[in-house]
Amino acid sequence: MTTVAQRSIGGRIALDRAGVAAHTGAARSTVNHWHLHRDRFGFPNAFVDDGQEWFWRDDIEVFHAAHLINKRAVLTKVDRSGSPTELVTSSGAAEILGYSSYRNLPHELIDNPDDTEALPSGRIRRYWYRRTVWAHADARTGRQSTGRTPGTTGPYKPHPYADDPRLQAAAALLAQARAEGRDRRGLGIELAQRLGIPQRTAQRLLAAAEGD
């Protein structure tokens, strides 16, 4: 489990990346993406104190408020037809969100598929439940959504591997890859071999671990 950390430095509150994720409600992978592309998003620069990376909390709040405004300014009409439990591909998800191409899908979805399929070419095909795409669309406007359409009942679990003990192995592999400067390519195969599980399951575990 990720420990959320904040510290008072010179009377000013600072957050580490886990703290930024908790403070903004974003996934850790989203914070990493903001930081990696900070010139594009206007994400605050980090500073180092006692050998650890920190961000000023008030800077994060200013950034996040502006970020939400920019997101709402480009909202598209959402297609809410179909079954919430139907799986769709990236093209289908783009159609639901009103995008002209799957290339416009936000990284929050790309990095967190509900299911994956390894293609003969070695590429990974991603799938999402319609309810997942709808929940993402609702999050753009700040609406609270369970990802269910009216009339449906029962709790919605964000990810079927949320409490899987194998997540620790997936998280450790992701951390090792980051330390070695590698991206996620090939990690599904490596995790599958380590745990003796199908590659599709390994990819789902990596997606869940990356979202923690």
Protein backbone atom coordinates (compact mmCIF):
# COMPACT_ATOMS: atom_id res chain seq x y z
CA MET A 1 0.00 0.00 0.00
CA THR A 2 1.25 3.44 -0.92
CA THR A 3 1.90 5.76 2.02
CA VAL A 4 0.56 9.27 1.60
CA ALA A 5 3.10 11.80 2.81
CA GLN A 6 3.10 15.50 3.42
CA ARG A 7 5.47 17.69 5.35
CA SER A 8 5.62 21.24 6.62
CA ILE A 9 8.75 22.91 5.29
CA GLY A 10 9.35 26.46 6.46
CA GLY A 11 5.70 26.72 7.44
CA ARG A 12 4.50 25.67 3.98
CA ILE A 13 2.89 22.28 3.26
CA ALA A 14 4.63 20.02 0.75
CA LEU A 15 3.38 16.76 -0.79
CA ASP A 16 5.16 13.82 -2.31
CA ARG A 17 3.67 12.13 -5.41
CA ALA A 18 1.42 9.90 -3.32
CA GLY A 19 0.26 12.99 -1.49
CA VAL A 20 -0.45 14.78 -4.77
CA ALA A 21 -2.55 11.81 -5.92
CA ALA A 22 -4.54 11.79 -2.67
CA HIS A 23 -5.00 15.57 -2.63
CA THR A 24 -6.25 15.76 -6.24
CA GLY A 25 -8.09 12.43 -6.30
CA ALA A 26 -6.04 11.34 -9.30
CA ALA A 27 -4.40 7.96 -9.79
CA ARG A 28 -0.68 7.73 -9.11
CA SER A 29 -0.14 6.96 -12.82
CA THR A 30 -1.95 10.21 -13.65
CA VAL A 31 0.37 12.20 -11.40
CA ASN A 32 3.35 10.54 -13.05
CA HIS A 33 1.95 11.48 -16.46
CA TRP A 34 1.38 15.10 -15.41
CA HIS A 35 4.95 15.29 -14.14
CA LEU A 36 6.47 13.64 -17.20
CA HIS A 37 4.62 16.09 -19.49
CA ARG A 38 4.70 19.06 -17.12
CA ASP A 39 5.55 21.51 -19.91
CA ARG A 40 2.32 20.53 -21.64
CA PHE A 41 0.12 20.46 -18.54
CA GLY A 42 1.73 23.24 -16.53
CA PHE A 43 2.40 20.86 -13.66
CA PRO A 44 4.54 22.40 -10.91
CA ASN A 45 8.23 21.60 -10.71
CA ALA A 46 9.40 19.42 -7.87
CA PHE A 47 12.04 20.29 -5.33
CA VAL A 48 14.23 18.07 -3.15
CA ASP A 49 14.34 18.19 0.62
CA ASP A 50 16.34 15.66 2.66
CA GLY A 51 16.90 13.66 -0.50
CA GLN A 52 13.17 13.32 -1.28
CA GLU A 53 11.04 14.82 -4.04
CA TRP A 54 8.28 17.23 -2.96
CA PHE A 55 5.69 19.60 -4.44
CA TRP A 56 4.19 22.63 -2.74
CA ARG A 57 0.55 21.90 -1.92
CA ASP A 58 -0.70 25.38 -2.85
CA ASP A 59 1.01 25.07 -6.26
CA ILE A 60 -0.71 21.73 -6.80
CA GLU A 61 -4.08 23.25 -5.91
CA VAL A 62 -3.63 26.08 -8.42
CA PHE A 63 -2.56 23.62 -11.11
CA HIS A 64 -5.44 21.22 -10.45
CA ALA A 65 -8.10 23.93 -10.50
CA ALA A 66 -6.84 25.16 -13.88
CA HIS A 67 -6.56 21.59 -15.15
CA LEU A 68 -10.23 20.86 -14.34
CA ILE A 69 -11.35 24.04 -16.07
CA ASN A 70 -9.41 23.11 -19.20
CA LYS A 71 -10.86 19.60 -19.21
CA ARG A 72 -14.44 20.84 -18.92
CA ALA A 73 -13.86 23.28 -21.76
CA VAL A 74 -13.36 20.44 -24.24
CA LEU A 75 -16.08 18.04 -23.11
CA THR A 76 -17.83 15.97 -25.76
CA LYS A 77 -21.32 14.43 -25.82
CA VAL A 78 -21.33 10.95 -24.29
CA ASP A 79 -23.17 7.99 -25.82
CA ARG A 80 -24.88 6.20 -22.92
CA SER A 81 -26.60 3.50 -24.95
CA GLY A 82 -25.84 -0.20 -24.57
CA SER A 83 -25.22 -2.52 -21.64
CA PRO A 84 -22.93 -1.23 -18.85
CA THR A 85 -21.21 -4.65 -18.70
CA GLU A 86 -20.41 -4.79 -22.43
CA LEU A 87 -16.69 -4.68 -23.21
CA VAL A 88 -15.57 -2.25 -25.91
CA THR A 89 -12.25 -1.72 -27.67
CA SER A 90 -10.35 1.56 -27.84
CA SER A 91 -12.32 2.53 -30.93
CA GLY A 92 -15.57 1.78 -29.13
CA ALA A 93 -14.48 3.80 -26.09
CA ALA A 94 -13.62 6.72 -28.37
CA GLU A 95 -17.08 6.57 -29.95
CA ILE A 96 -18.75 6.56 -26.53
CA LEU A 97 -16.80 9.67 -25.51
CA GLY A 98 -17.49 11.41 -28.81
CA TYR A 99 -13.88 11.41 -30.00
CA SER A 100 -13.02 11.17 -33.68
CA SER A 101 -10.19 8.70 -33.05
CA TYR A 102 -8.99 6.25 -30.42
CA ARG A 103 -5.77 8.28 -30.41
CA ASN A 104 -7.68 10.95 -28.46
CA LEU A 105 -8.40 8.62 -25.55
CA PRO A 106 -7.06 9.98 -22.24
CA HIS A 107 -4.19 8.16 -20.62
CA GLU A 108 -6.38 7.51 -17.55
CA LEU A 109 -8.26 4.97 -19.68
CA ILE A 110 -5.33 3.76 -21.79
CA ASP A 111 -3.31 2.95 -18.68
CA ASN A 112 -6.18 1.21 -16.85
CA PRO A 113 -8.07 -1.22 -19.11
CA ASP A 114 -10.60 -3.64 -17.63
CA ASP A 115 -9.25 -6.42 -19.82
CA THR A 116 -6.48 -6.97 -22.36
CA GLU A 117 -5.67 -9.35 -25.18
CA ALA A 118 -2.20 -10.16 -26.51
CA LEU A 119 -2.27 -10.03 -30.32
CA PRO A 120 -0.04 -12.18 -32.58
CA SER A 121 1.90 -9.03 -33.47
CA GLY A 122 2.87 -8.62 -29.82
CA ARG A 123 0.68 -5.57 -29.34
CA ILE A 124 -1.90 -5.40 -26.58
CA ARG A 125 -5.58 -4.83 -27.36
CA ARG A 126 -7.35 -3.07 -24.50
CA TYR A 127 -10.98 -3.43 -23.45
CA TRP A 128 -13.18 -1.42 -21.11
CA TYR A 129 -16.68 -1.95 -19.78
CA ARG A 130 -19.11 0.70 -20.99
CA ARG A 131 -19.69 1.59 -17.32
CA THR A 132 -15.97 2.31 -16.93
CA VAL A 133 -16.03 4.71 -19.88
CA TRP A 134 -19.20 6.37 -18.55
CA ALA A 135 -17.61 6.76 -15.11
CA HIS A 136 -14.61 8.44 -16.72
CA ALA A 137 -16.92 10.79 -18.61
CA ASP A 138 -18.74 11.66 -15.38
CA ALA A 139 -15.43 12.34 -13.63
CA ARG A 140 -14.66 15.00 -16.23
CA THR A 141 -17.52 17.13 -14.90
CA GLY A 142 -17.02 16.29 -11.26
CA ARG A 143 -20.13 14.11 -11.13
CA GLN A 144 -20.07 11.20 -8.71
CA SER A 145 -20.78 8.03 -10.64
CA THR A 146 -20.85 4.34 -9.78
CA GLY A 147 -20.54 3.50 -13.46
CA ARG A 148 -24.09 2.08 -13.42
CA THR A 149 -27.08 3.14 -15.44
CA PRO A 150 -30.37 4.01 -13.64
CA GLY A 151 -32.20 0.93 -12.42
CA THR A 152 -29.15 -1.24 -11.86
CA THR A 153 -28.20 -2.33 -8.37
CA GLY A 154 -25.28 -3.75 -6.48
CA PRO A 155 -21.80 -2.44 -5.68
CA TYR A 156 -19.38 -1.69 -8.48
CA LYS A 157 -15.85 -2.89 -7.97
CA PRO A 158 -13.43 -0.68 -9.98
CA HIS A 159 -11.08 -3.50 -10.82
CA PRO A 160 -11.47 -7.28 -10.35
CA TYR A 161 -7.91 -7.53 -9.01
CA ALA A 162 -8.16 -4.67 -6.51
CA ASP A 163 -7.43 -6.97 -3.52
CA ASP A 164 -5.32 -9.59 -5.29
CA PRO A 165 -2.13 -10.45 -3.33
CA ARG A 166 -0.27 -10.77 -6.65
CA LEU A 167 -0.49 -6.99 -7.00
CA GLN A 168 2.62 -6.75 -4.82
CA ALA A 169 4.63 -8.67 -7.42
CA ALA A 170 3.22 -6.48 -10.18
CA ALA A 171 4.06 -3.30 -8.27
CA ALA A 172 7.58 -4.56 -7.58
CA LEU A 173 8.12 -5.30 -11.28
CA LEU A 174 6.86 -1.83 -12.26
CA ALA A 175 9.18 -0.22 -9.72
CA GLN A 176 12.12 -2.26 -11.03
CA ALA A 177 11.31 -1.23 -14.62
CA ARG A 178 11.13 2.45 -13.65
CA ALA A 179 14.44 2.21 -11.83
CA GLU A 180 16.00 0.70 -14.95
CA GLY A 181 14.45 3.32 -17.22
CA ARG A 182 12.15 0.85 -18.98
CA ASP A 183 8.53 1.34 -20.00
CA ARG A 184 5.74 -1.26 -19.70
CA ARG A 185 6.53 -3.05 -22.94
CA GLY A 186 7.23 -6.70 -22.24
CA LEU A 187 6.37 -6.50 -18.55
CA GLY A 188 3.19 -8.53 -19.01
CA ILE A 189 5.18 -11.44 -20.40
CA GLU A 190 7.77 -11.14 -17.64
CA LEU A 191 5.16 -11.05 -14.87
CA ALA A 192 3.27 -13.95 -16.41
CA GLN A 193 6.46 -16.03 -16.39
CA ARG A 194 7.29 -15.07 -12.79
CA LEU A 195 3.84 -15.96 -11.46
CA GLY A 196 2.92 -18.75 -13.88
CA ILE A 197 -0.25 -16.97 -15.01
CA PRO A 198 -1.77 -16.04 -18.39
CA GLN A 199 -0.43 -12.88 -20.00
CA ARG A 200 -3.88 -11.27 -20.01
CA THR A 201 -4.10 -11.72 -16.24
CA ALA A 202 -0.59 -10.30 -15.86
CA GLN A 203 -1.54 -7.22 -17.89
CA ARG A 204 -4.59 -6.62 -15.71
CA LEU A 205 -2.50 -6.94 -12.56
CA LEU A 206 0.02 -4.41 -13.95
CA ALA A 207 -2.78 -1.98 -14.82
CA ALA A 208 -4.23 -2.30 -11.31
CA ALA A 209 -0.82 -1.87 -9.65
CA GLU A 210 0.00 1.15 -11.78
CA GLY A 211 -3.24 2.81 -10.75
CA ASP A 212 -2.50 2.50 -7.00
